[in-house]
PDB file of all heavy atoms in Angstrom:
ATOM      1  N   HIS A   1      -5.677  -5.398   2.449  1.00  0.00           N
ATOM      2  CA  HIS A   1      -5.780  -3.927   2.303  1.00  0.00           C
ATOM      3  C   HIS A   1      -4.559  -3.241   2.978  1.00  0.00           C
ATOM      4  O   HIS A   1      -4.348  -2.059   2.805  1.00  0.00           O
ATOM      5  CB  HIS A   1      -7.053  -3.331   2.830  1.00  0.00           C
ATOM      6  CG  HIS A   1      -7.449  -3.826   4.226  1.00  0.00           C
ATOM      7  ND1 HIS A   1      -6.736  -3.560   5.351  1.00  0.00           N
ATOM      8  CD2 HIS A   1      -8.526  -4.560   4.630  1.00  0.00           C
ATOM      9  CE1 HIS A   1      -7.321  -4.105   6.400  1.00  0.00           C
ATOM     10  NE2 HIS A   1      -8.400  -4.699   6.035  1.00  0.00           N
ATOM     11  N   VAL A   2      -3.803  -4.004   3.831  1.00  0.00           N
ATOM     12  CA  VAL A   2      -2.583  -3.492   4.406  1.00  0.00           C
ATOM     13  C   VAL A   2      -1.457  -4.507   4.252  1.00  0.00           C
ATOM     14  O   VAL A   2      -1.660  -5.693   4.485  1.00  0.00           O
ATOM     15  CB  VAL A   2      -2.817  -3.226   5.954  1.00  0.00           C
ATOM     16  CG1 VAL A   2      -1.502  -2.910   6.617  1.00  0.00           C
ATOM     17  CG2 VAL A   2      -3.793  -2.095   6.150  1.00  0.00           C
ATOM     18  N   ILE A   3      -0.285  -4.014   3.792  1.00  0.00           N
ATOM     19  CA  ILE A   3       0.887  -4.852   3.671  1.00  0.00           C
ATOM     20  C   ILE A   3       1.946  -4.295   4.561  1.00  0.00           C
ATOM     21  O   ILE A   3       2.405  -3.180   4.361  1.00  0.00           O
ATOM     22  CB  ILE A   3       1.391  -4.896   2.198  1.00  0.00           C
ATOM     23  CG1 ILE A   3       0.299  -5.410   1.271  1.00  0.00           C
ATOM     24  CG2 ILE A   3       2.689  -5.803   2.123  1.00  0.00           C
ATOM     25  CD1 ILE A   3      -0.120  -6.838   1.422  1.00  0.00           C
ATOM     26  N   ASN A   4       2.329  -5.074   5.581  1.00  0.00           N
ATOM     27  CA  ASN A   4       3.436  -4.596   6.446  1.00  0.00           C
ATOM     28  C   ASN A   4       4.779  -4.900   5.783  1.00  0.00           C
ATOM     29  O   ASN A   4       5.106  -6.035   5.480  1.00  0.00           O
ATOM     30  CB  ASN A   4       3.356  -5.238   7.848  1.00  0.00           C
ATOM     31  CG  ASN A   4       4.359  -4.637   8.764  1.00  0.00           C
ATOM     32  OD1 ASN A   4       4.337  -3.454   9.035  1.00  0.00           O
ATOM     33  ND2 ASN A   4       5.210  -5.458   9.308  1.00  0.00           N
ATOM     34  N   VAL A   5       5.616  -3.872   5.627  1.00  0.00           N
ATOM     35  CA  VAL A   5       6.931  -4.001   5.031  1.00  0.00           C
ATOM     36  C   VAL A   5       7.981  -3.820   6.135  1.00  0.00           C
ATOM     37  O   VAL A   5       8.070  -2.750   6.693  1.00  0.00           O
ATOM     38  CB  VAL A   5       7.147  -3.026   3.856  1.00  0.00           C
ATOM     39  CG1 VAL A   5       8.461  -3.376   3.155  1.00  0.00           C
ATOM     40  CG2 VAL A   5       5.998  -3.044   2.896  1.00  0.00           C
ATOM     41  N   LYS A   6       8.746  -4.860   6.386  1.00  0.00           N
ATOM     42  CA  LYS A   6       9.716  -4.817   7.480  1.00  0.00           C
ATOM     43  C   LYS A   6      10.950  -4.001   7.098  1.00  0.00           C
ATOM     44  O   LYS A   6      11.212  -3.741   5.941  1.00  0.00           O
ATOM     45  CB  LYS A   6      10.130  -6.234   7.852  1.00  0.00           C
ATOM     46  CG  LYS A   6       8.970  -7.141   8.215  1.00  0.00           C
ATOM     47  CD  LYS A   6       9.531  -8.571   8.504  1.00  0.00           C
ATOM     48  CE  LYS A   6       8.401  -9.576   8.348  1.00  0.00           C
ATOM     49  NZ  LYS A   6       8.977 -10.950   8.454  1.00  0.00           N
ATOM     50  N   PRO A   7      11.782  -3.648   8.085  1.00  0.00           N
ATOM     51  CA  PRO A   7      13.028  -2.945   7.797  1.00  0.00           C
ATOM     52  C   PRO A   7      13.890  -3.646   6.797  1.00  0.00           C
ATOM     53  O   PRO A   7      14.088  -4.863   6.913  1.00  0.00           O
ATOM     54  CB  PRO A   7      13.668  -2.867   9.174  1.00  0.00           C
ATOM     55  CG  PRO A   7      12.566  -2.920  10.151  1.00  0.00           C
ATOM     56  CD  PRO A   7      11.577  -3.871   9.506  1.00  0.00           C
ATOM     57  N   GLY A   8      14.428  -2.889   5.805  1.00  0.00           N
ATOM     58  CA  GLY A   8      15.355  -3.445   4.846  1.00  0.00           C
ATOM     59  C   GLY A   8      14.758  -4.452   3.885  1.00  0.00           C
ATOM     60  O   GLY A   8      15.487  -5.122   3.162  1.00  0.00           O
ATOM     61  N   GLN A   9      13.464  -4.609   3.858  1.00  0.00           N
ATOM     62  CA  GLN A   9      12.791  -5.602   3.091  1.00  0.00           C
ATOM     63  C   GLN A   9      12.211  -5.066   1.810  1.00  0.00           C
ATOM     64  O   GLN A   9      11.778  -3.882   1.740  1.00  0.00           O
ATOM     65  CB  GLN A   9      11.701  -6.257   3.925  1.00  0.00           C
ATOM     66  CG  GLN A   9      11.109  -7.524   3.323  1.00  0.00           C
ATOM     67  CD  GLN A   9      10.002  -8.072   4.209  1.00  0.00           C
ATOM     68  OE1 GLN A   9       8.953  -7.358   4.369  1.00  0.00           O
ATOM     69  NE2 GLN A   9      10.138  -9.225   4.782  1.00  0.00           N
ATOM     70  N   THR A  10      12.154  -5.879   0.751  1.00  0.00           N
ATOM     71  CA  THR A  10      11.455  -5.496  -0.493  1.00  0.00           C
ATOM     72  C   THR A  10      10.272  -6.449  -0.713  1.00  0.00           C
ATOM     73  O   THR A  10      10.447  -7.684  -0.638  1.00  0.00           O
ATOM     74  CB  THR A  10      12.436  -5.558  -1.673  1.00  0.00           C
ATOM     75  OG1 THR A  10      13.467  -4.606  -1.459  1.00  0.00           O
ATOM     76  CG2 THR A  10      11.681  -5.255  -2.980  1.00  0.00           C
ATOM     77  N   VAL A  11       9.123  -5.873  -0.977  1.00  0.00           N
ATOM     78  CA  VAL A  11       7.887  -6.682  -1.099  1.00  0.00           C
ATOM     79  C   VAL A  11       7.150  -6.225  -2.370  1.00  0.00           C
ATOM     80  O   VAL A  11       7.155  -5.048  -2.697  1.00  0.00           O
ATOM     81  CB  VAL A  11       6.981  -6.488   0.107  1.00  0.00           C
ATOM     82  CG1 VAL A  11       5.661  -7.207  -0.039  1.00  0.00           C
ATOM     83  CG2 VAL A  11       7.622  -6.875   1.393  1.00  0.00           C
ATOM     84  N   SER A  12       6.591  -7.187  -3.093  1.00  0.00           N
ATOM     85  CA  SER A  12       5.812  -6.819  -4.306  1.00  0.00           C
ATOM     86  C   SER A  12       4.357  -7.246  -4.132  1.00  0.00           C
ATOM     87  O   SER A  12       4.050  -8.274  -3.525  1.00  0.00           O
ATOM     88  CB  SER A  12       6.394  -7.569  -5.524  1.00  0.00           C
ATOM     89  OG  SER A  12       7.662  -7.069  -5.836  1.00  0.00           O
ATOM     90  N   VAL A  13       3.472  -6.384  -4.668  1.00  0.00           N
ATOM     91  CA  VAL A  13       2.050  -6.653  -4.600  1.00  0.00           C
ATOM     92  C   VAL A  13       1.440  -6.373  -5.988  1.00  0.00           C
ATOM     93  O   VAL A  13       1.999  -5.509  -6.748  1.00  0.00           O
ATOM     94  CB  VAL A  13       1.300  -5.776  -3.565  1.00  0.00           C
ATOM     95  CG1 VAL A  13       1.827  -6.069  -2.160  1.00  0.00           C
ATOM     96  CG2 VAL A  13       1.446  -4.301  -3.867  1.00  0.00           C
ATOM     97  N   ASP A  14       0.395  -7.078  -6.369  1.00  0.00           N
ATOM     98  CA  ASP A  14      -0.315  -6.747  -7.604  1.00  0.00           C
ATOM     99  C   ASP A  14      -1.591  -6.039  -7.231  1.00  0.00           C
ATOM    100  O   ASP A  14      -2.341  -6.482  -6.330  1.00  0.00           O
ATOM    101  CB  ASP A  14      -0.630  -8.059  -8.353  1.00  0.00           C
ATOM    102  CG  ASP A  14       0.603  -8.657  -8.975  1.00  0.00           C
ATOM    103  OD1 ASP A  14       1.244  -7.993  -9.788  1.00  0.00           O
ATOM    104  OD2 ASP A  14       0.930  -9.832  -8.662  1.00  0.00           O
ATOM    105  N   VAL A  15      -1.864  -4.940  -7.903  1.00  0.00           N
ATOM    106  CA  VAL A  15      -3.010  -4.073  -7.605  1.00  0.00           C
ATOM    107  C   VAL A  15      -3.835  -3.879  -8.863  1.00  0.00           C
ATOM    108  O   VAL A  15      -3.443  -3.132  -9.772  1.00  0.00           O
ATOM    109  CB  VAL A  15      -2.578  -2.709  -7.053  1.00  0.00           C
ATOM    110  CG1 VAL A  15      -3.779  -1.849  -6.753  1.00  0.00           C
ATOM    111  CG2 VAL A  15      -1.736  -2.896  -5.736  1.00  0.00           C
ATOM    112  N   PRO A  16      -5.005  -4.549  -8.969  1.00  0.00           N
ATOM    113  CA  PRO A  16      -5.878  -4.290 -10.129  1.00  0.00           C
ATOM    114  C   PRO A  16      -6.557  -2.929  -9.933  1.00  0.00           C
ATOM    115  O   PRO A  16      -7.153  -2.693  -8.901  1.00  0.00           O
ATOM    116  CB  PRO A  16      -6.915  -5.408 -10.039  1.00  0.00           C
ATOM    117  CG  PRO A  16      -6.283  -6.495  -9.145  1.00  0.00           C
ATOM    118  CD  PRO A  16      -5.440  -5.703  -8.191  1.00  0.00           C
ATOM    119  N   ALA A  17      -6.401  -2.055 -10.936  1.00  0.00           N
ATOM    120  CA  ALA A  17      -7.029  -0.723 -10.824  1.00  0.00           C
ATOM    121  C   ALA A  17      -8.468  -0.855 -11.306  1.00  0.00           C
ATOM    122  O   ALA A  17      -8.813  -0.475 -12.429  1.00  0.00           O
ATOM    123  CB  ALA A  17      -6.244   0.263 -11.686  1.00  0.00           C
ATOM    124  N   ASP A  18      -9.331  -1.374 -10.407  1.00  0.00           N
ATOM    125  CA  ASP A  18     -10.690  -1.660 -10.821  1.00  0.00           C
ATOM    126  C   ASP A  18     -11.776  -0.715 -10.188  1.00  0.00           C
ATOM    127  O   ASP A  18     -12.950  -1.019 -10.187  1.00  0.00           O
ATOM    128  CB  ASP A  18     -11.040  -3.123 -10.436  1.00  0.00           C
ATOM    129  CG  ASP A  18     -10.778  -3.400  -8.933  1.00  0.00           C
ATOM    130  OD1 ASP A  18     -10.427  -2.501  -8.209  1.00  0.00           O
ATOM    131  OD2 ASP A  18     -10.864  -4.574  -8.555  1.00  0.00           O
ATOM    132  N   ALA A  19     -11.281   0.425  -9.693  1.00  0.00           N
ATOM    133  CA  ALA A  19     -12.150   1.409  -9.132  1.00  0.00           C
ATOM    134  C   ALA A  19     -11.639   2.791  -9.461  1.00  0.00           C
ATOM    135  O   ALA A  19     -10.608   3.209  -8.994  1.00  0.00           O
ATOM    136  CB  ALA A  19     -12.279   1.214  -7.631  1.00  0.00           C
ATOM    137  N   GLU A  20     -12.322   3.477 -10.351  1.00  0.00           N
ATOM    138  CA  GLU A  20     -11.848   4.811 -10.751  1.00  0.00           C
ATOM    139  C   GLU A  20     -12.016   5.835  -9.667  1.00  0.00           C
ATOM    140  O   GLU A  20     -12.820   5.657  -8.715  1.00  0.00           O
ATOM    141  CB  GLU A  20     -12.582   5.273 -12.012  1.00  0.00           C
ATOM    142  CG  GLU A  20     -14.072   5.554 -11.789  1.00  0.00           C
ATOM    143  CD  GLU A  20     -14.701   6.250 -12.961  1.00  0.00           C
ATOM    144  OE1 GLU A  20     -14.219   7.333 -13.363  1.00  0.00           O
ATOM    145  OE2 GLU A  20     -15.710   5.689 -13.508  1.00  0.00           O
ATOM    146  N   GLY A  21     -11.209   6.882  -9.735  1.00  0.00           N
ATOM    147  CA  GLY A  21     -11.337   7.930  -8.752  1.00  0.00           C
ATOM    148  C   GLY A  21      -9.952   8.314  -8.151  1.00  0.00           C
ATOM    149  O   GLY A  21      -8.887   7.826  -8.645  1.00  0.00           O
ATOM    150  N   GLU A  22     -10.025   9.073  -7.097  1.00  0.00           N
ATOM    151  CA  GLU A  22      -8.779   9.555  -6.417  1.00  0.00           C
ATOM    152  C   GLU A  22      -8.735   8.850  -5.041  1.00  0.00           C
ATOM    153  O   GLU A  22      -9.682   9.013  -4.264  1.00  0.00           O
ATOM    154  CB  GLU A  22      -8.815  11.069  -6.324  1.00  0.00           C
ATOM    155  CG  GLU A  22      -8.840  11.729  -7.694  1.00  0.00           C
ATOM    156  CD  GLU A  22      -8.692  13.222  -7.649  1.00  0.00           C
ATOM    157  OE1 GLU A  22      -8.539  13.765  -6.498  1.00  0.00           O
ATOM    158  OE2 GLU A  22      -8.731  13.877  -8.669  1.00  0.00           O
ATOM    159  N   TRP A  23      -7.627   8.193  -4.770  1.00  0.00           N
ATOM    160  CA  TRP A  23      -7.536   7.391  -3.561  1.00  0.00           C
ATOM    161  C   TRP A  23      -6.268   7.768  -2.760  1.00  0.00           C
ATOM    162  O   TRP A  23      -5.209   8.112  -3.310  1.00  0.00           O
ATOM    163  CB  TRP A  23      -7.419   5.887  -3.941  1.00  0.00           C
ATOM    164  CG  TRP A  23      -8.576   5.429  -4.744  1.00  0.00           C
ATOM    165  CD1 TRP A  23      -8.598   5.195  -6.108  1.00  0.00           C
ATOM    166  CD2 TRP A  23      -9.904   5.096  -4.301  1.00  0.00           C
ATOM    167  NE1 TRP A  23      -9.836   4.736  -6.513  1.00  0.00           N
ATOM    168  CE2 TRP A  23     -10.613   4.668  -5.416  1.00  0.00           C
ATOM    169  CE3 TRP A  23     -10.508   5.089  -3.045  1.00  0.00           C
ATOM    170  CZ2 TRP A  23     -11.973   4.264  -5.331  1.00  0.00           C
ATOM    171  CZ3 TRP A  23     -11.801   4.688  -2.950  1.00  0.00           C
ATOM    172  CH2 TRP A  23     -12.533   4.276  -4.072  1.00  0.00           C
ATOM    173  N   ALA A  24      -6.382   7.649  -1.458  1.00  0.00           N
ATOM    174  CA  ALA A  24      -5.225   7.837  -0.576  1.00  0.00           C
ATOM    175  C   ALA A  24      -4.383   6.565  -0.612  1.00  0.00           C
ATOM    176  O   ALA A  24      -4.879   5.444  -0.669  1.00  0.00           O
ATOM    177  CB  ALA A  24      -5.707   8.128   0.850  1.00  0.00           C
ATOM    178  N   PHE A  25      -3.049   6.743  -0.425  1.00  0.00           N
ATOM    179  CA  PHE A  25      -2.090   5.644  -0.527  1.00  0.00           C
ATOM    180  C   PHE A  25      -1.021   6.030   0.461  1.00  0.00           C
ATOM    181  O   PHE A  25      -0.255   6.959   0.283  1.00  0.00           O
ATOM    182  CB  PHE A  25      -1.534   5.654  -1.998  1.00  0.00           C
ATOM    183  CG  PHE A  25      -0.628   4.524  -2.375  1.00  0.00           C
ATOM    184  CD1 PHE A  25      -0.336   4.332  -3.707  1.00  0.00           C
ATOM    185  CD2 PHE A  25      -0.022   3.702  -1.448  1.00  0.00           C
ATOM    186  CE1 PHE A  25       0.525   3.309  -4.086  1.00  0.00           C
ATOM    187  CE2 PHE A  25       0.809   2.651  -1.824  1.00  0.00           C
ATOM    188  CZ  PHE A  25       1.086   2.490  -3.129  1.00  0.00           C
ATOM    189  N   HIS A  26      -0.907   5.277   1.588  1.00  0.00           N
ATOM    190  CA  HIS A  26      -0.022   5.780   2.648  1.00  0.00           C
ATOM    191  C   HIS A  26       0.378   4.682   3.612  1.00  0.00           C
ATOM    192  O   HIS A  26      -0.172   3.626   3.700  1.00  0.00           O
ATOM    193  CB  HIS A  26      -0.758   6.883   3.409  1.00  0.00           C
ATOM    194  CG  HIS A  26      -2.041   6.443   4.063  1.00  0.00           C
ATOM    195  ND1 HIS A  26      -2.090   5.967   5.383  1.00  0.00           N
ATOM    196  CD2 HIS A  26      -3.332   6.474   3.670  1.00  0.00           C
ATOM    197  CE1 HIS A  26      -3.345   5.673   5.701  1.00  0.00           C
ATOM    198  NE2 HIS A  26      -4.123   5.952   4.656  1.00  0.00           N
ATOM    199  N   CYS A  27       1.422   5.012   4.403  1.00  0.00           N
ATOM    200  CA  CYS A  27       1.788   4.234   5.573  1.00  0.00           C
ATOM    201  C   CYS A  27       0.714   4.506   6.619  1.00  0.00           C
ATOM    202  O   CYS A  27       0.368   5.639   6.854  1.00  0.00           O
ATOM    203  CB  CYS A  27       3.159   4.670   6.119  1.00  0.00           C
ATOM    204  SG  CYS A  27       3.655   3.849   7.655  1.00  0.00           S
ATOM    205  N   HIS A  28       0.283   3.422   7.288  1.00  0.00           N
ATOM    206  CA  HIS A  28      -0.832   3.560   8.285  1.00  0.00           C
ATOM    207  C   HIS A  28      -0.352   3.940   9.672  1.00  0.00           C
ATOM    208  O   HIS A  28      -1.142   4.082  10.587  1.00  0.00           O
ATOM    209  CB  HIS A  28      -1.736   2.340   8.331  1.00  0.00           C
ATOM    210  CG  HIS A  28      -3.145   2.666   8.510  1.00  0.00           C
ATOM    211  ND1 HIS A  28      -3.667   3.050   9.717  1.00  0.00           N
ATOM    212  CD2 HIS A  28      -4.210   2.701   7.672  1.00  0.00           C
ATOM    213  CE1 HIS A  28      -4.978   3.251   9.581  1.00  0.00           C
ATOM    214  NE2 HIS A  28      -5.337   3.096   8.358  1.00  0.00           N
ATOM    215  N   LEU A  29       0.963   4.094   9.886  1.00  0.00           N
ATOM    216  CA  LEU A  29       1.465   4.693  11.114  1.00  0.00           C
ATOM    217  C   LEU A  29       1.068   6.161  11.101  1.00  0.00           C
ATOM    218  O   LEU A  29       1.558   6.885  10.170  1.00  0.00           O
ATOM    219  CB  LEU A  29       2.915   4.464  11.305  1.00  0.00           C
ATOM    220  CG  LEU A  29       3.405   3.028  11.409  1.00  0.00           C
ATOM    221  CD1 LEU A  29       4.917   2.980  11.582  1.00  0.00           C
ATOM    222  CD2 LEU A  29       2.679   2.263  12.474  1.00  0.00           C
ATOM    223  N   LEU A  30       0.283   6.586  12.032  1.00  0.00           N
ATOM    224  CA  LEU A  30      -0.297   7.927  11.965  1.00  0.00           C
ATOM    225  C   LEU A  30       0.687   9.017  11.810  1.00  0.00           C
ATOM    226  O   LEU A  30       0.566   9.942  10.983  1.00  0.00           O
ATOM    227  CB  LEU A  30      -1.156   8.169  13.234  1.00  0.00           C
ATOM    228  CG  LEU A  30      -1.892   9.513  13.269  1.00  0.00           C
ATOM    229  CD1 LEU A  30      -2.904   9.655  12.154  1.00  0.00           C
ATOM    230  CD2 LEU A  30      -2.610   9.655  14.609  1.00  0.00           C
ATOM    231  N   TYR A  31       1.796   8.992  12.590  1.00  0.00           N
ATOM    232  CA  TYR A  31       2.799  10.050  12.542  1.00  0.00           C
ATOM    233  C   TYR A  31       3.647   9.958  11.300  1.00  0.00           C
ATOM    234  O   TYR A  31       4.212  10.994  10.840  1.00  0.00           O
ATOM    235  CB  TYR A  31       3.653  10.010  13.798  1.00  0.00           C
ATOM    236  CG  TYR A  31       2.837  10.234  15.025  1.00  0.00           C
ATOM    237  CD1 TYR A  31       2.686   9.287  16.029  1.00  0.00           C
ATOM    238  CD2 TYR A  31       2.211  11.465  15.267  1.00  0.00           C
ATOM    239  CE1 TYR A  31       1.940   9.488  17.189  1.00  0.00           C
ATOM    240  CE2 TYR A  31       1.459  11.708  16.426  1.00  0.00           C
ATOM    241  CZ  TYR A  31       1.325  10.726  17.364  1.00  0.00           C
ATOM    242  OH  TYR A  31       0.589  10.932  18.508  1.00  0.00           O
TER     243      TYR A  31
END
């Protein structure tokens, strides 16, 4: 549920859209 992306790095993830609705999508560092 969390993917940490390091500085200067490119990362790919596959996300099945299996739950309809409106969802938050964000960096989990609060600030």
